Amino acid sequence: MAPKRLTKDHVVLTAIAFVDGHGLDALTMRRLGDSLGVEAMALYRHVSGRGELLEGMVANLIDNLFDNDLMIETPTSWEDYLQRVANATLQLAREHPEIFPLIATQPSQAPWLRPPLRSLRWVEDFLSTLQSFGFSDENAVSAYKAFTSFLIGDLLLQVHATGDDAIGFDDDEASDEEADLSNYPTVIRLSELLGQDHSQREFDDALDDLIERIRATLTT
């Protein structure tokens, strides 16, 4: 059988699928090679190592946000644009919760490339779109910084959330920790409320608040 012909894109996409299924800690060059049916050494023709592989995964996911259905239509206002970008990024975080934290932690090419919109293509699109709706240079940059801070903070919380309906311990922990719950009566009493998942509503409300703050800067 002829050896499989790899491309960097194929390696990166397979790595994304592997991490989605097995978690980031499980990703090694050897295991990725096994998934592709090749020796690990064959991967080094396309990526120099795990670091470049992770960078490629982040770049792929961020760039592919432009292909999200929400981003294909031309926005009717700057508020509509922010709503579309925010919800497209939310979909990304929910579809790839094991990878999304990398978007926050991988070094950027420049300090002013802020996660999650951390590519030159995204900065160009964001700033030019806002300016097409009348934003000044200063207001567009300020909105980019505020918007990215909101996104990365909210979405990192979402991908770490369990979504459980109640607070508790895993079975392995219960025998050791259950007695300690008696020291936290307020947590026990409010556990059902604490465990309720209102993440979509909270995201929408926070985004609306941000848009109102940006709107206020345009009139000052």
N, C-alpha and C. Protein backbone atom coordinates (compact mmCIF):
# COMPACT_ATOMS: atom_id res chain seq x y z
N MET A 1 0.86 -1.20 0.00
CA MET A 1 0.00 0.00 0.00
C MET A 1 0.88 1.24 0.00
N ALA A 2 0.56 2.22 -0.83
CA ALA A 2 1.36 3.44 -0.91
C ALA A 2 1.19 4.25 0.37
N PRO A 3 2.24 4.94 0.83
CA PRO A 3 2.13 5.75 2.04
C PRO A 3 1.12 6.88 1.85
N LYS A 4 0.45 7.20 2.95
CA LYS A 4 -0.54 8.26 2.89
C LYS A 4 0.15 9.60 2.70
N ARG A 5 -0.43 10.44 1.86
CA ARG A 5 0.11 11.76 1.62
C ARG A 5 -0.59 12.74 2.54
N LEU A 6 0.19 13.34 3.42
CA LEU A 6 -0.37 14.27 4.40
C LEU A 6 -0.19 15.71 3.94
N THR A 7 -1.04 16.56 4.44
CA THR A 7 -0.87 18.01 4.31
C THR A 7 -0.96 18.59 5.71
N LYS A 8 -0.48 19.80 5.88
CA LYS A 8 -0.55 20.43 7.18
C LYS A 8 -2.01 20.60 7.62
N ASP A 9 -2.87 20.99 6.68
CA ASP A 9 -4.29 21.15 7.02
C ASP A 9 -4.89 19.85 7.53
N HIS A 10 -4.54 18.73 6.89
CA HIS A 10 -5.06 17.43 7.32
C HIS A 10 -4.57 17.09 8.72
N VAL A 11 -3.31 17.37 9.00
CA VAL A 11 -2.75 17.11 10.33
C VAL A 11 -3.47 17.95 11.38
N VAL A 12 -3.66 19.24 11.08
CA VAL A 12 -4.29 20.15 12.03
C VAL A 12 -5.74 19.75 12.29
N LEU A 13 -6.49 19.45 11.23
CA LEU A 13 -7.89 19.08 11.39
C LEU A 13 -8.04 17.77 12.17
N THR A 14 -7.15 16.85 11.94
CA THR A 14 -7.19 15.59 12.69
C THR A 14 -6.86 15.83 14.16
N ALA A 15 -5.93 16.74 14.42
CA ALA A 15 -5.59 17.08 15.81
C ALA A 15 -6.78 17.72 16.51
N ILE A 16 -7.51 18.58 15.82
CA ILE A 16 -8.70 19.20 16.41
C ILE A 16 -9.73 18.13 16.77
N ALA A 17 -9.98 17.22 15.84
CA ALA A 17 -10.95 16.15 16.10
C ALA A 17 -10.47 15.26 17.25
N PHE A 18 -9.18 14.99 17.32
CA PHE A 18 -8.63 14.15 18.39
C PHE A 18 -8.85 14.82 19.75
N VAL A 19 -8.53 16.10 19.86
CA VAL A 19 -8.69 16.80 21.13
C VAL A 19 -10.16 16.92 21.51
N ASP A 20 -11.03 17.14 20.53
CA ASP A 20 -12.47 17.18 20.81
C ASP A 20 -12.93 15.87 21.45
N GLY A 21 -12.34 14.75 21.00
CA GLY A 21 -12.77 13.46 21.50
C GLY A 21 -12.06 12.96 22.73
N HIS A 22 -10.80 13.38 22.90
CA HIS A 22 -9.98 12.79 23.97
C HIS A 22 -9.41 13.80 24.95
N GLY A 23 -9.50 15.08 24.65
CA GLY A 23 -8.95 16.09 25.55
C GLY A 23 -7.54 16.50 25.14
N LEU A 24 -7.17 17.70 25.54
CA LEU A 24 -5.89 18.25 25.13
C LEU A 24 -4.71 17.48 25.73
N ASP A 25 -4.84 17.06 26.97
CA ASP A 25 -3.73 16.36 27.62
C ASP A 25 -3.37 15.05 26.92
N ALA A 26 -4.33 14.48 26.22
CA ALA A 26 -4.08 13.19 25.55
C ALA A 26 -3.34 13.36 24.23
N LEU A 27 -3.25 14.59 23.73
CA LEU A 27 -2.65 14.81 22.41
C LEU A 27 -1.14 14.70 22.48
N THR A 28 -0.59 13.73 21.77
CA THR A 28 0.85 13.61 21.56
C THR A 28 1.08 13.37 20.08
N MET A 29 2.28 13.60 19.64
CA MET A 29 2.59 13.37 18.23
C MET A 29 2.42 11.89 17.89
N ARG A 30 2.76 11.02 18.81
CA ARG A 30 2.62 9.59 18.53
C ARG A 30 1.16 9.21 18.37
N ARG A 31 0.31 9.68 19.29
CA ARG A 31 -1.11 9.34 19.20
C ARG A 31 -1.76 9.97 17.97
N LEU A 32 -1.34 11.18 17.64
CA LEU A 32 -1.88 11.82 16.44
C LEU A 32 -1.45 11.04 15.20
N GLY A 33 -0.20 10.58 15.20
CA GLY A 33 0.27 9.76 14.09
C GLY A 33 -0.54 8.48 13.95
N ASP A 34 -0.86 7.85 15.10
CA ASP A 34 -1.70 6.65 15.07
C ASP A 34 -3.06 6.95 14.45
N SER A 35 -3.64 8.10 14.80
CA SER A 35 -4.95 8.48 14.24
C SER A 35 -4.88 8.66 12.73
N LEU A 36 -3.73 9.12 12.25
CA LEU A 36 -3.56 9.37 10.83
C LEU A 36 -3.02 8.14 10.09
N GLY A 37 -2.65 7.10 10.85
CA GLY A 37 -2.11 5.89 10.24
C GLY A 37 -0.69 6.05 9.75
N VAL A 38 0.09 6.93 10.41
CA VAL A 38 1.48 7.14 10.02
C VAL A 38 2.35 7.15 11.28
N GLU A 39 3.64 7.04 11.09
CA GLU A 39 4.57 7.19 12.20
C GLU A 39 4.62 8.66 12.63
N ALA A 40 4.89 8.88 13.90
CA ALA A 40 4.95 10.25 14.41
C ALA A 40 5.96 11.10 13.65
N MET A 41 7.07 10.51 13.25
CA MET A 41 8.09 11.27 12.54
C MET A 41 7.58 11.88 11.25
N ALA A 42 6.58 11.25 10.64
CA ALA A 42 6.03 11.79 9.39
C ALA A 42 5.35 13.14 9.61
N LEU A 43 4.89 13.39 10.84
CA LEU A 43 4.19 14.64 11.13
C LEU A 43 5.14 15.83 11.11
N TYR A 44 6.41 15.57 11.42
CA TYR A 44 7.37 16.66 11.53
C TYR A 44 7.73 17.27 10.17
N ARG A 45 7.28 16.66 9.11
CA ARG A 45 7.44 17.28 7.80
C ARG A 45 6.46 18.44 7.62
N HIS A 46 5.45 18.48 8.48
CA HIS A 46 4.39 19.48 8.35
C HIS A 46 4.30 20.44 9.52
N VAL A 47 4.65 19.99 10.71
CA VAL A 47 4.71 20.85 11.89
C VAL A 47 6.00 20.54 12.62
N SER A 48 6.61 21.57 13.19
CA SER A 48 7.91 21.37 13.84
C SER A 48 7.79 20.66 15.18
N GLY A 49 6.59 20.65 15.74
CA GLY A 49 6.39 19.99 17.03
C GLY A 49 5.02 20.31 17.57
N ARG A 50 4.79 19.96 18.83
CA ARG A 50 3.47 20.15 19.43
C ARG A 50 3.09 21.62 19.50
N GLY A 51 4.08 22.49 19.74
CA GLY A 51 3.79 23.91 19.83
C GLY A 51 3.23 24.47 18.54
N GLU A 52 3.86 24.16 17.43
CA GLU A 52 3.35 24.64 16.14
C GLU A 52 2.02 23.99 15.81
N LEU A 53 1.83 22.76 16.25
CA LEU A 53 0.55 22.09 16.03
C LEU A 53 -0.57 22.82 16.75
N LEU A 54 -0.33 23.20 18.01
CA LEU A 54 -1.35 23.93 18.77
C LEU A 54 -1.65 25.28 18.13
N GLU A 55 -0.61 25.96 17.67
CA GLU A 55 -0.82 27.24 16.99
C GLU A 55 -1.68 27.06 15.74
N GLY A 56 -1.43 25.98 15.02
CA GLY A 56 -2.21 25.71 13.82
C GLY A 56 -3.67 25.42 14.13
N MET A 57 -3.91 24.72 15.24
CA MET A 57 -5.28 24.43 15.63
C MET A 57 -6.03 25.70 15.97
N VAL A 58 -5.41 26.58 16.74
CA VAL A 58 -6.04 27.85 17.11
C VAL A 58 -6.30 28.69 15.87
N ALA A 59 -5.31 28.81 15.00
CA ALA A 59 -5.46 29.63 13.79
C ALA A 59 -6.58 29.10 12.91
N ASN A 60 -6.68 27.79 12.79
CA ASN A 60 -7.72 27.19 11.96
C ASN A 60 -9.11 27.52 12.49
N LEU A 61 -9.30 27.35 13.80
CA LEU A 61 -10.63 27.59 14.37
C LEU A 61 -11.03 29.05 14.29
N ILE A 62 -10.08 29.95 14.57
CA ILE A 62 -10.40 31.37 14.52
C ILE A 62 -10.68 31.82 13.09
N ASP A 63 -9.89 31.35 12.15
CA ASP A 63 -10.09 31.74 10.76
C ASP A 63 -11.42 31.21 10.24
N ASN A 64 -11.79 30.01 10.67
CA ASN A 64 -13.03 29.41 10.18
C ASN A 64 -14.28 30.08 10.76
N LEU A 65 -14.12 30.96 11.73
CA LEU A 65 -15.27 31.73 12.20
C LEU A 65 -15.89 32.54 11.07
N PHE A 66 -15.08 32.93 10.11
CA PHE A 66 -15.61 33.71 8.99
C PHE A 66 -16.58 32.90 8.15
N ASP A 67 -16.51 31.56 8.24
CA ASP A 67 -17.41 30.71 7.47
C ASP A 67 -18.68 30.35 8.23
N ASN A 68 -18.78 30.80 9.49
CA ASN A 68 -19.99 30.55 10.25
C ASN A 68 -21.19 31.21 9.55
N ASP A 69 -22.33 30.55 9.60
CA ASP A 69 -23.53 31.08 8.93
C ASP A 69 -23.86 32.51 9.39
N LEU A 70 -23.58 32.81 10.66
CA LEU A 70 -23.88 34.15 11.18
C LEU A 70 -23.01 35.23 10.54
N MET A 71 -21.84 34.82 10.04
CA MET A 71 -20.90 35.81 9.51
C MET A 71 -21.01 35.99 8.00
N ILE A 72 -21.78 35.16 7.35
CA ILE A 72 -21.86 35.23 5.89
C ILE A 72 -22.68 36.43 5.42
N GLU A 73 -23.76 36.74 6.12
CA GLU A 73 -24.60 37.86 5.73
C GLU A 73 -23.96 39.19 6.12
N THR A 74 -24.21 40.22 5.33
CA THR A 74 -23.70 41.55 5.63
C THR A 74 -24.47 42.14 6.80
N PRO A 75 -23.78 42.62 7.85
CA PRO A 75 -24.49 43.18 9.00
C PRO A 75 -25.22 44.47 8.63
N THR A 76 -26.34 44.69 9.30
CA THR A 76 -27.15 45.87 9.02
C THR A 76 -26.79 47.05 9.91
N SER A 77 -26.03 46.80 10.96
CA SER A 77 -25.60 47.84 11.89
C SER A 77 -24.40 47.33 12.66
N TRP A 78 -23.73 48.23 13.38
CA TRP A 78 -22.60 47.76 14.17
C TRP A 78 -23.07 46.87 15.32
N GLU A 79 -24.27 47.15 15.85
CA GLU A 79 -24.82 46.29 16.89
C GLU A 79 -25.08 44.88 16.36
N ASP A 80 -25.62 44.81 15.14
CA ASP A 80 -25.87 43.52 14.49
C ASP A 80 -24.55 42.78 14.27
N TYR A 81 -23.52 43.50 13.87
CA TYR A 81 -22.20 42.89 13.66
C TYR A 81 -21.67 42.28 14.96
N LEU A 82 -21.73 43.03 16.07
CA LEU A 82 -21.23 42.51 17.34
C LEU A 82 -22.03 41.29 17.78
N GLN A 83 -23.33 41.32 17.57
CA GLN A 83 -24.16 40.18 17.92
C GLN A 83 -23.74 38.95 17.12
N ARG A 84 -23.49 39.12 15.85
CA ARG A 84 -23.12 38.01 14.98
C ARG A 84 -21.76 37.43 15.39
N VAL A 85 -20.78 38.30 15.60
CA VAL A 85 -19.45 37.83 15.98
C VAL A 85 -19.50 37.12 17.33
N ALA A 86 -20.22 37.71 18.27
CA ALA A 86 -20.29 37.12 19.61
C ALA A 86 -20.92 35.74 19.59
N ASN A 87 -22.01 35.59 18.88
CA ASN A 87 -22.70 34.30 18.88
C ASN A 87 -21.97 33.26 18.03
N ALA A 88 -21.27 33.69 16.99
CA ALA A 88 -20.44 32.75 16.23
C ALA A 88 -19.30 32.22 17.12
N THR A 89 -18.71 33.11 17.92
CA THR A 89 -17.63 32.70 18.81
C THR A 89 -18.17 31.82 19.93
N LEU A 90 -19.37 32.11 20.40
CA LEU A 90 -20.01 31.26 21.40
C LEU A 90 -20.20 29.84 20.86
N GLN A 91 -20.64 29.73 19.63
CA GLN A 91 -20.79 28.40 19.02
C GLN A 91 -19.45 27.68 18.97
N LEU A 92 -18.40 28.40 18.62
CA LEU A 92 -17.06 27.82 18.58
C LEU A 92 -16.65 27.28 19.95
N ALA A 93 -16.87 28.06 20.98
CA ALA A 93 -16.49 27.64 22.32
C ALA A 93 -17.26 26.40 22.76
N ARG A 94 -18.53 26.34 22.42
CA ARG A 94 -19.35 25.19 22.82
C ARG A 94 -19.02 23.94 22.02
N GLU A 95 -18.63 24.12 20.77
CA GLU A 95 -18.30 22.97 19.93
C GLU A 95 -16.91 22.42 20.22
N HIS A 96 -16.02 23.27 20.74
CA HIS A 96 -14.64 22.86 20.99
C HIS A 96 -14.19 23.29 22.39
N PRO A 97 -14.89 22.82 23.44
CA PRO A 97 -14.55 23.28 24.80
C PRO A 97 -13.17 22.87 25.27
N GLU A 98 -12.62 21.79 24.73
CA GLU A 98 -11.29 21.35 25.13
C GLU A 98 -10.20 22.21 24.50
N ILE A 99 -10.52 22.83 23.36
CA ILE A 99 -9.52 23.61 22.64
C ILE A 99 -9.65 25.10 22.91
N PHE A 100 -10.85 25.56 23.22
CA PHE A 100 -11.07 27.00 23.34
C PHE A 100 -10.12 27.69 24.32
N PRO A 101 -9.79 27.09 25.48
CA PRO A 101 -8.84 27.77 26.37
C PRO A 101 -7.49 28.06 25.73
N LEU A 102 -7.10 27.27 24.73
CA LEU A 102 -5.85 27.55 24.02
C LEU A 102 -5.89 28.91 23.34
N ILE A 103 -7.07 29.31 22.91
CA ILE A 103 -7.21 30.58 22.21
C ILE A 103 -6.84 31.73 23.14
N ALA A 104 -7.06 31.52 24.44
CA ALA A 104 -6.71 32.55 25.42
C ALA A 104 -5.26 32.48 25.85
N THR A 105 -4.66 31.29 25.82
CA THR A 105 -3.34 31.12 26.42
C THR A 105 -2.20 31.04 25.42
N GLN A 106 -2.47 30.68 24.16
CA GLN A 106 -1.39 30.63 23.18
C GLN A 106 -0.86 32.04 22.90
N PRO A 107 0.46 32.23 22.87
CA PRO A 107 1.01 33.56 22.59
C PRO A 107 0.55 34.09 21.23
N SER A 108 0.22 35.38 21.20
CA SER A 108 -0.19 36.01 19.94
C SER A 108 1.03 36.54 19.21
N GLN A 109 0.85 36.83 17.92
CA GLN A 109 1.94 37.38 17.12
C GLN A 109 2.31 38.79 17.57
N ALA A 110 1.38 39.50 18.18
CA ALA A 110 1.62 40.85 18.68
C ALA A 110 0.76 41.06 19.93
N PRO A 111 1.22 41.88 20.88
CA PRO A 111 0.46 42.05 22.13
C PRO A 111 -0.90 42.68 21.93
N TRP A 112 -1.10 43.38 20.83
CA TRP A 112 -2.40 44.01 20.59
C TRP A 112 -3.36 43.10 19.84
N LEU A 113 -2.95 41.88 19.52
CA LEU A 113 -3.88 40.87 18.99
C LEU A 113 -4.49 40.14 20.18
N ARG A 114 -5.71 40.49 20.49
CA ARG A 114 -6.33 40.02 21.72
C ARG A 114 -7.25 38.83 21.45
N PRO A 115 -7.15 37.79 22.30
CA PRO A 115 -8.07 36.66 22.14
C PRO A 115 -9.49 37.09 22.48
N PRO A 116 -10.50 36.44 21.87
CA PRO A 116 -10.38 35.36 20.90
C PRO A 116 -10.20 35.83 19.46
N LEU A 117 -10.40 37.13 19.18
CA LEU A 117 -10.26 37.64 17.81
C LEU A 117 -8.80 38.04 17.60
N ARG A 118 -7.93 37.03 17.53
CA ARG A 118 -6.49 37.24 17.69
C ARG A 118 -5.69 37.09 16.41
N SER A 119 -6.31 37.33 15.27
CA SER A 119 -5.58 37.28 14.00
C SER A 119 -5.66 38.63 13.33
N LEU A 120 -4.69 38.91 12.46
CA LEU A 120 -4.71 40.17 11.71
C LEU A 120 -5.97 40.29 10.86
N ARG A 121 -6.41 39.16 10.31
CA ARG A 121 -7.62 39.18 9.50
C ARG A 121 -8.82 39.63 10.33
N TRP A 122 -8.90 39.16 11.57
CA TRP A 122 -10.02 39.52 12.41
C TRP A 122 -9.94 40.97 12.86
N VAL A 123 -8.76 41.44 13.23
CA VAL A 123 -8.62 42.83 13.64
C VAL A 123 -9.00 43.76 12.49
N GLU A 124 -8.54 43.44 11.29
CA GLU A 124 -8.87 44.24 10.11
C GLU A 124 -10.38 44.26 9.88
N ASP A 125 -11.01 43.09 9.94
CA ASP A 125 -12.45 43.00 9.70
C ASP A 125 -13.22 43.77 10.77
N PHE A 126 -12.83 43.59 12.02
CA PHE A 126 -13.55 44.22 13.13
C PHE A 126 -13.46 45.74 13.05
N LEU A 127 -12.24 46.26 12.94
CA LEU A 127 -12.06 47.70 12.94
C LEU A 127 -12.67 48.35 11.70
N SER A 128 -12.46 47.74 10.55
CA SER A 128 -12.99 48.34 9.32
C SER A 128 -14.50 48.29 9.28
N THR A 129 -15.10 47.22 9.83
CA THR A 129 -16.56 47.14 9.86
C THR A 129 -17.14 48.23 10.76
N LEU A 130 -16.58 48.40 11.95
CA LEU A 130 -17.09 49.44 12.85
C LEU A 130 -16.90 50.82 12.23
N GLN A 131 -15.79 51.04 11.55
CA GLN A 131 -15.58 52.35 10.94
C GLN A 131 -16.52 52.58 9.77
N SER A 132 -16.96 51.51 9.13
CA SER A 132 -17.94 51.67 8.06
C SER A 132 -19.29 52.15 8.60
N PHE A 133 -19.48 51.96 9.91
CA PHE A 133 -20.70 52.45 10.56
C PHE A 133 -20.45 53.74 11.34
N GLY A 134 -19.34 54.40 11.04
CA GLY A 134 -19.11 55.74 11.58
C GLY A 134 -18.23 55.82 12.81
N PHE A 135 -17.62 54.73 13.25
CA PHE A 135 -16.73 54.77 14.41
C PHE A 135 -15.45 55.53 14.07
N SER A 136 -14.99 56.33 15.01
CA SER A 136 -13.68 56.95 14.87
C SER A 136 -12.60 55.91 15.12
N ASP A 137 -11.34 56.26 14.84
CA ASP A 137 -10.23 55.36 15.12
C ASP A 137 -10.23 54.95 16.59
N GLU A 138 -10.34 55.95 17.46
CA GLU A 138 -10.27 55.69 18.90
C GLU A 138 -11.44 54.83 19.37
N ASN A 139 -12.63 55.12 18.90
CA ASN A 139 -13.81 54.35 19.32
C ASN A 139 -13.77 52.91 18.80
N ALA A 140 -13.26 52.71 17.60
CA ALA A 140 -13.18 51.36 17.05
C ALA A 140 -12.19 50.51 17.84
N VAL A 141 -11.03 51.08 18.17
CA VAL A 141 -10.03 50.34 18.94
C VAL A 141 -10.54 50.07 20.35
N SER A 142 -11.18 51.06 20.96
CA SER A 142 -11.73 50.87 22.30
C SER A 142 -12.79 49.77 22.30
N ALA A 143 -13.63 49.74 21.26
CA ALA A 143 -14.67 48.71 21.17
C ALA A 143 -14.04 47.33 20.99
N TYR A 144 -12.99 47.24 20.19
CA TYR A 144 -12.30 45.96 19.99
C TYR A 144 -11.77 45.44 21.33
N LYS A 145 -11.16 46.30 22.11
CA LYS A 145 -10.60 45.87 23.40
C LYS A 145 -11.71 45.45 24.37
N ALA A 146 -12.76 46.25 24.45
CA ALA A 146 -13.85 45.92 25.37
C ALA A 146 -14.57 44.64 24.94
N PHE A 147 -14.80 44.49 23.65
CA PHE A 147 -15.53 43.34 23.13
C PHE A 147 -14.75 42.05 23.34
N THR A 148 -13.45 42.07 23.05
CA THR A 148 -12.65 40.86 23.23
C THR A 148 -12.51 40.49 24.70
N SER A 149 -12.41 41.49 25.58
CA SER A 149 -12.35 41.20 27.02
C SER A 149 -13.64 40.52 27.49
N PHE A 150 -14.77 41.04 27.02
CA PHE A 150 -16.05 40.42 27.35
C PHE A 150 -16.12 38.99 26.85
N LEU A 151 -15.76 38.78 25.59
CA LEU A 151 -15.88 37.45 25.01
C LEU A 151 -15.01 36.43 25.73
N ILE A 152 -13.75 36.73 25.91
CA ILE A 152 -12.85 35.73 26.46
C ILE A 152 -13.21 35.42 27.90
N GLY A 153 -13.63 36.42 28.67
CA GLY A 153 -14.01 36.17 30.05
C GLY A 153 -15.26 35.32 30.17
N ASP A 154 -16.28 35.69 29.43
CA ASP A 154 -17.55 34.96 29.51
C ASP A 154 -17.43 33.55 28.96
N LEU A 155 -16.75 33.40 27.83
CA LEU A 155 -16.70 32.09 27.19
C LEU A 155 -15.78 31.12 27.92
N LEU A 156 -14.72 31.61 28.54
CA LEU A 156 -13.89 30.71 29.35
C LEU A 156 -14.68 30.17 30.53
N LEU A 157 -15.53 31.01 31.12
CA LEU A 157 -16.41 30.53 32.19
C LEU A 157 -17.36 29.46 31.68
N GLN A 158 -17.88 29.68 30.48
CA GLN A 158 -18.84 28.72 29.93
C GLN A 158 -18.21 27.36 29.66
N VAL A 159 -17.00 27.34 29.10
CA VAL A 159 -16.43 26.05 28.76
C VAL A 159 -15.95 25.29 29.99
N HIS A 160 -15.80 25.99 31.12
CA HIS A 160 -15.42 25.31 32.35
C HIS A 160 -16.63 24.91 33.19
N ALA A 161 -17.82 25.40 32.82
CA ALA A 161 -19.02 25.09 33.59
C ALA A 161 -19.42 23.64 33.39
N THR A 162 -19.96 23.03 34.45
CA THR A 162 -20.37 21.62 34.35
C THR A 162 -21.76 21.48 33.80
N GLY A 163 -22.60 22.48 34.04
CA GLY A 163 -23.99 22.37 33.60
C GLY A 163 -24.83 21.45 34.45
N ASP A 164 -24.28 20.98 35.58
CA ASP A 164 -25.06 20.11 36.45
C ASP A 164 -26.17 20.90 37.11
N ASP A 165 -27.22 20.19 37.48
CA ASP A 165 -28.35 20.83 38.13
C ASP A 165 -28.15 21.01 39.62
N ALA A 166 -27.18 20.36 40.18
CA ALA A 166 -26.96 20.48 41.61
C ALA A 166 -25.48 20.32 41.88
N ILE A 167 -25.07 20.86 43.02
CA ILE A 167 -23.68 20.75 43.44
C ILE A 167 -23.49 19.44 44.18
N GLY A 168 -22.37 18.80 43.93
CA GLY A 168 -22.08 17.55 44.63
C GLY A 168 -20.69 17.09 44.32
N PHE A 169 -20.34 15.91 44.79
CA PHE A 169 -19.03 15.34 44.57
C PHE A 169 -19.15 14.10 43.71
N ASP A 170 -18.07 13.79 43.01
CA ASP A 170 -18.01 12.51 42.31
C ASP A 170 -18.02 11.39 43.33
N ASP A 171 -18.42 10.21 42.86
CA ASP A 171 -18.51 9.07 43.78
C ASP A 171 -17.18 8.80 44.47
N ASP A 172 -16.07 8.98 43.75
CA ASP A 172 -14.77 8.70 44.33
C ASP A 172 -14.42 9.67 45.44
N GLU A 173 -15.00 10.87 45.38
CA GLU A 173 -14.69 11.88 46.37
C GLU A 173 -15.66 11.88 47.53
N ALA A 174 -16.83 11.32 47.33
CA ALA A 174 -17.90 11.47 48.31
C ALA A 174 -17.52 10.95 49.68
N SER A 175 -16.88 9.80 49.74
CA SER A 175 -16.58 9.22 51.04
C SER A 175 -15.63 10.08 51.84
N ASP A 176 -14.70 10.78 51.14
CA ASP A 176 -13.72 11.60 51.84
C ASP A 176 -14.24 12.99 52.16
N GLU A 177 -15.11 13.51 51.32
CA GLU A 177 -15.49 14.91 51.43
C GLU A 177 -16.89 15.16 51.96
N GLU A 178 -17.74 14.14 51.93
CA GLU A 178 -19.15 14.38 52.25
C GLU A 178 -19.32 14.99 53.62
N ALA A 179 -18.54 14.54 54.61
CA ALA A 179 -18.67 15.06 55.97
C ALA A 179 -18.36 16.55 56.01
N ASP A 180 -17.46 17.01 55.14
CA ASP A 180 -17.07 18.41 55.13
C ASP A 180 -18.19 19.33 54.67
N LEU A 181 -19.19 18.79 53.96
CA LEU A 181 -20.30 19.62 53.50
C LEU A 181 -21.05 20.26 54.65
N SER A 182 -21.01 19.66 55.81
CA SER A 182 -21.72 20.22 56.95
C SER A 182 -21.15 21.57 57.36
N ASN A 183 -19.95 21.87 56.92
CA ASN A 183 -19.35 23.16 57.24
C ASN A 183 -19.81 24.27 56.30
N TYR A 184 -20.61 23.92 55.30
CA TYR A 184 -21.03 24.90 54.30
C TYR A 184 -22.55 24.88 54.14
N PRO A 185 -23.28 25.24 55.19
CA PRO A 185 -24.75 25.13 55.14
C PRO A 185 -25.39 26.02 54.08
N THR A 186 -24.82 27.19 53.84
CA THR A 186 -25.40 28.09 52.84
C THR A 186 -25.24 27.51 51.44
N VAL A 187 -24.08 26.91 51.17
CA VAL A 187 -23.86 26.28 49.88
C VAL A 187 -24.83 25.12 49.68
N ILE A 188 -25.04 24.31 50.72
CA ILE A 188 -25.98 23.19 50.63
C ILE A 188 -27.39 23.71 50.34
N ARG A 189 -27.80 24.75 51.07
CA ARG A 189 -29.16 25.27 50.91
C ARG A 189 -29.39 25.86 49.53
N LEU A 190 -28.37 26.48 48.96
CA LEU A 190 -28.52 27.15 47.67
C LEU A 190 -27.95 26.34 46.51
N SER A 191 -27.65 25.06 46.74
CA SER A 191 -26.99 24.26 45.72
C SER A 191 -27.82 24.14 44.44
N GLU A 192 -29.12 24.03 44.57
CA GLU A 192 -29.95 23.90 43.37
C GLU A 192 -29.88 25.16 42.52
N LEU A 193 -29.96 26.33 43.19
CA LEU A 193 -29.87 27.59 42.46
C LEU A 193 -28.49 27.78 41.85
N LEU A 194 -27.45 27.42 42.58
CA LEU A 194 -26.09 27.57 42.08
C LEU A 194 -25.84 26.70 40.85
N GLY A 195 -26.50 25.56 40.81
CA GLY A 195 -26.28 24.62 39.72
C GLY A 195 -27.11 24.86 38.49
N GLN A 196 -28.06 25.79 38.54
CA GLN A 196 -28.90 26.05 37.38
C GLN A 196 -28.10 26.72 36.27
N ASP A 197 -28.36 26.30 35.04
CA ASP A 197 -27.62 26.81 33.89
C ASP A 197 -28.44 27.88 33.18
N HIS A 198 -28.02 29.14 33.35
CA HIS A 198 -28.63 30.26 32.64
C HIS A 198 -27.59 30.94 31.76
N SER A 199 -26.64 30.15 31.26
CA SER A 199 -25.49 30.74 30.58
C SER A 199 -25.88 31.53 29.33
N GLN A 200 -26.85 31.03 28.56
CA GLN A 200 -27.23 31.75 27.34
C GLN A 200 -27.86 33.10 27.68
N ARG A 201 -28.75 33.11 28.66
CA ARG A 201 -29.39 34.37 29.05
C ARG A 201 -28.35 35.34 29.62
N GLU A 202 -27.44 34.83 30.44
CA GLU A 202 -26.41 35.69 31.01
C GLU A 202 -25.49 36.26 29.93
N PHE A 203 -25.18 35.42 28.94
CA PHE A 203 -24.35 35.87 27.82
C PHE A 203 -25.06 36.97 27.05
N ASP A 204 -26.32 36.75 26.74
CA ASP A 204 -27.09 37.75 25.98
C ASP A 204 -27.21 39.06 26.76
N ASP A 205 -27.48 38.96 28.06
CA ASP A 205 -27.63 40.17 28.88
C ASP A 205 -26.32 40.94 28.95
N ALA A 206 -25.21 40.21 29.14
CA ALA A 206 -23.91 40.87 29.23
C ALA A 206 -23.54 41.52 27.91
N LEU A 207 -23.88 40.86 26.80
CA LEU A 207 -23.59 41.44 25.48
C LEU A 207 -24.42 42.69 25.26
N ASP A 208 -25.69 42.66 25.65
CA ASP A 208 -26.54 43.85 25.53
C ASP A 208 -25.97 45.00 26.36
N ASP A 209 -25.52 44.69 27.56
CA ASP A 209 -24.93 45.74 28.42
C ASP A 209 -23.68 46.34 27.77
N LEU A 210 -22.85 45.48 27.18
CA LEU A 210 -21.64 45.96 26.52
C LEU A 210 -21.99 46.87 25.34
N ILE A 211 -22.96 46.47 24.55
CA ILE A 211 -23.37 47.28 23.41
C ILE A 211 -23.86 48.65 23.87
N GLU A 212 -24.59 48.68 24.98
CA GLU A 212 -25.07 49.96 25.52
C GLU A 212 -23.90 50.82 25.98
N ARG A 213 -22.87 50.22 26.57
CA ARG A 213 -21.70 50.99 27.01
C ARG A 213 -20.95 51.55 25.81
N ILE A 214 -20.83 50.74 24.76
CA ILE A 214 -20.16 51.23 23.55
C ILE A 214 -20.97 52.34 22.92
N ARG A 215 -22.29 52.20 22.88
CA ARG A 215 -23.15 53.23 22.31
C ARG A 215 -22.98 54.55 23.06
N ALA A 216 -22.83 54.46 24.39
CA ALA A 216 -22.68 55.68 25.19
C ALA A 216 -21.38 56.41 24.85
N THR A 217 -20.33 55.68 24.49
CA THR A 217 -19.06 56.32 24.15
C THR A 217 -19.15 57.06 22.83
N LEU A 218 -20.08 56.69 21.99
CA LEU A 218 -20.21 57.32 20.67
C LEU A 218 -20.89 58.68 20.76
N THR A 219 -21.53 58.95 21.89
CA THR A 219 -22.28 60.21 22.03
C THR A 219 -21.60 61.17 22.99
N THR A 220 -20.43 60.77 23.52
CA THR A 220 -19.73 61.66 24.46
C THR A 220 -18.67 62.45 23.75
